[in-house]
Amino acid sequence: MTTRDSIEYLGNEIAENGIPSDPTSLSLLASAARDLGVNDVLVDVMVDDHEPENARVRAFARVSTTVSTALRDGFVPRVERELAPAC
């Protein structure tokens, strides 16, 4: 599954079950976002289970949009490169 597919899956999961529903995918998105230089505060709020859920969802929206835009523009985050099979 690519990072873009993961973002779409995670967005649907959050919409149906709330942001705490898939911490693993959220963590992978956070790694990709940090690799892209997304604002650390946004990423930290997104993954911090002590933050209010509505703040985390808003942070997810901004982080996922930034990551998706970067991927559309051709940047491959470190996380995706590390998981790619060696050819």
C-alpha atoms as a PDB file:
ATOM      1  CA  MET A   1       0.000   0.000   0.000  1.00  0.00           C
ATOM      2  CA  THR A   2       1.404   3.384  -0.959  1.00  0.00           C
ATOM      3  CA  THR A   3       1.464   6.386   1.354  1.00  0.00           C
ATOM      4  CA  ARG A   4      -1.353   8.021  -0.646  1.00  0.00           C
ATOM      5  CA  ASP A   5      -3.479   4.877  -0.319  1.00  0.00           C
ATOM      6  CA  SER A   6      -2.738   4.805   3.405  1.00  0.00           C
ATOM      7  CA  ILE A   7      -3.837   8.423   3.768  1.00  0.00           C
ATOM      8  CA  GLU A   8      -7.120   7.704   2.002  1.00  0.00           C
ATOM      9  CA  TYR A   9      -7.712   4.591   4.113  1.00  0.00           C
ATOM     10  CA  LEU A  10      -6.845   6.458   7.295  1.00  0.00           C
ATOM     11  CA  GLY A  11      -9.148   9.360   6.434  1.00  0.00           C
ATOM     12  CA  ASN A  12     -12.034   6.950   5.937  1.00  0.00           C
ATOM     13  CA  GLU A  13     -11.194   5.129   9.155  1.00  0.00           C
ATOM     14  CA  ILE A  14     -11.090   8.396  11.114  1.00  0.00           C
ATOM     15  CA  ALA A  15     -14.416   9.501   9.622  1.00  0.00           C
ATOM     16  CA  GLU A  16     -16.078   6.245  10.661  1.00  0.00           C
ATOM     17  CA  ASN A  17     -14.380   5.426  13.979  1.00  0.00           C
ATOM     18  CA  GLY A  18     -12.498   8.492  15.219  1.00  0.00           C
ATOM     19  CA  ILE A  19      -8.827   9.378  15.154  1.00  0.00           C
ATOM     20  CA  PRO A  20      -7.681   6.807  17.752  1.00  0.00           C
ATOM     21  CA  SER A  21      -8.859   3.944  15.517  1.00  0.00           C
ATOM     22  CA  ASP A  22      -5.549   3.264  13.716  1.00  0.00           C
ATOM     23  CA  PRO A  23      -2.498   4.505  15.625  1.00  0.00           C
ATOM     24  CA  THR A  24      -0.083   2.526  13.425  1.00  0.00           C
ATOM     25  CA  SER A  25      -1.173   4.220  10.195  1.00  0.00           C
ATOM     26  CA  LEU A  26      -1.230   7.564  11.980  1.00  0.00           C
ATOM     27  CA  SER A  27       2.350   7.002  13.118  1.00  0.00           C
ATOM     28  CA  LEU A  28       3.460   6.113   9.578  1.00  0.00           C
ATOM     29  CA  LEU A  29       1.820   9.271   8.266  1.00  0.00           C
ATOM     30  CA  ALA A  30       3.607  11.257  10.972  1.00  0.00           C
ATOM     31  CA  SER A  31       6.958   9.813   9.860  1.00  0.00           C
ATOM     32  CA  ALA A  32       6.294  10.717   6.233  1.00  0.00           C
ATOM     33  CA  ALA A  33       5.163  14.204   7.267  1.00  0.00           C
ATOM     34  CA  ARG A  34       8.284  14.797   9.345  1.00  0.00           C
ATOM     35  CA  ASP A  35      10.402  13.634   6.419  1.00  0.00           C
ATOM     36  CA  LEU A  36       8.684  16.290   4.301  1.00  0.00           C
ATOM     37  CA  GLY A  37       9.258  19.000   6.891  1.00  0.00           C
ATOM     38  CA  VAL A  38       5.602  19.422   7.877  1.00  0.00           C
ATOM     39  CA  ASN A  39       5.160  21.664  10.919  1.00  0.00           C
ATOM     40  CA  ASP A  40       6.209  19.673  14.007  1.00  0.00           C
ATOM     41  CA  VAL A  41       3.388  21.110  16.124  1.00  0.00           C
ATOM     42  CA  LEU A  42       0.768  19.829  13.675  1.00  0.00           C
ATOM     43  CA  VAL A  43       2.338  16.387  13.538  1.00  0.00           C
ATOM     44  CA  ASP A  44       2.704  16.237  17.325  1.00  0.00           C
ATOM     45  CA  VAL A  45      -0.930  17.218  17.907  1.00  0.00           C
ATOM     46  CA  MET A  46      -2.092  14.660  15.332  1.00  0.00           C
ATOM     47  CA  VAL A  47      -0.433  11.731  17.139  1.00  0.00           C
ATOM     48  CA  ASP A  48      -0.826  12.852  20.764  1.00  0.00           C
ATOM     49  CA  ASP A  49      -3.666  10.909  22.381  1.00  0.00           C
ATOM     50  CA  HIS A  50      -3.778  13.487  25.189  1.00  0.00           C
ATOM     51  CA  GLU A  51      -4.894  16.222  22.777  1.00  0.00           C
ATOM     52  CA  PRO A  52      -8.629  16.809  22.141  1.00  0.00           C
ATOM     53  CA  GLU A  53      -9.953  14.629  19.326  1.00  0.00           C
ATOM     54  CA  ASN A  54     -11.249  17.594  17.308  1.00  0.00           C
ATOM     55  CA  ALA A  55      -7.789  19.223  17.371  1.00  0.00           C
ATOM     56  CA  ARG A  56      -6.195  15.937  16.289  1.00  0.00           C
ATOM     57  CA  VAL A  57      -8.642  15.576  13.388  1.00  0.00           C
ATOM     58  CA  ARG A  58      -7.925  19.137  12.213  1.00  0.00           C
ATOM     59  CA  ALA A  59      -4.185  18.456  12.451  1.00  0.00           C
ATOM     60  CA  PHE A  60      -4.670  15.222  10.481  1.00  0.00           C
ATOM     61  CA  ALA A  61      -6.497  17.147   7.756  1.00  0.00           C
ATOM     62  CA  ARG A  62      -3.669  19.655   7.380  1.00  0.00           C
ATOM     63  CA  VAL A  63      -0.884  17.060   7.631  1.00  0.00           C
ATOM     64  CA  SER A  64      -2.505  14.632   5.198  1.00  0.00           C
ATOM     65  CA  THR A  65      -3.187  17.411   2.685  1.00  0.00           C
ATOM     66  CA  THR A  66       0.428  18.571   2.817  1.00  0.00           C
ATOM     67  CA  VAL A  67       1.770  15.036   2.416  1.00  0.00           C
ATOM     68  CA  SER A  68      -0.652  14.238  -0.430  1.00  0.00           C
ATOM     69  CA  THR A  69       0.314  17.419  -2.256  1.00  0.00           C
ATOM     70  CA  ALA A  70       4.007  16.626  -1.920  1.00  0.00           C
ATOM     71  CA  LEU A  71       3.455  13.111  -3.240  1.00  0.00           C
ATOM     72  CA  ARG A  72       1.452  14.454  -6.172  1.00  0.00           C
ATOM     73  CA  ASP A  73       4.384  16.741  -6.917  1.00  0.00           C
ATOM     74  CA  GLY A  74       6.739  13.762  -7.029  1.00  0.00           C
ATOM     75  CA  PHE A  75       8.399  13.672  -3.608  1.00  0.00           C
ATOM     76  CA  VAL A  76       8.814  10.178  -2.139  1.00  0.00           C
ATOM     77  CA  PRO A  77       9.034  10.274   1.658  1.00  0.00           C
ATOM     78  CA  ARG A  78      11.740   8.296   3.426  1.00  0.00           C
ATOM     79  CA  VAL A  79       9.155   5.905   4.910  1.00  0.00           C
ATOM     80  CA  GLU A  80       7.918   4.873   1.472  1.00  0.00           C
ATOM     81  CA  ARG A  81      11.476   4.531   0.133  1.00  0.00           C
ATOM     82  CA  GLU A  82      12.434   2.304   3.071  1.00  0.00           C
ATOM     83  CA  LEU A  83       9.455   0.032   2.504  1.00  0.00           C
ATOM     84  CA  ALA A  84       9.945  -0.217  -1.251  1.00  0.00           C
ATOM     85  CA  PRO A  85      11.284  -3.594  -2.431  1.00  0.00           C
ATOM     86  CA  ALA A  86      14.857  -3.664  -3.661  1.00  0.00           C
ATOM     87  CA  CYS A  87      14.990  -4.089  -7.420  1.00  0.00           C
END
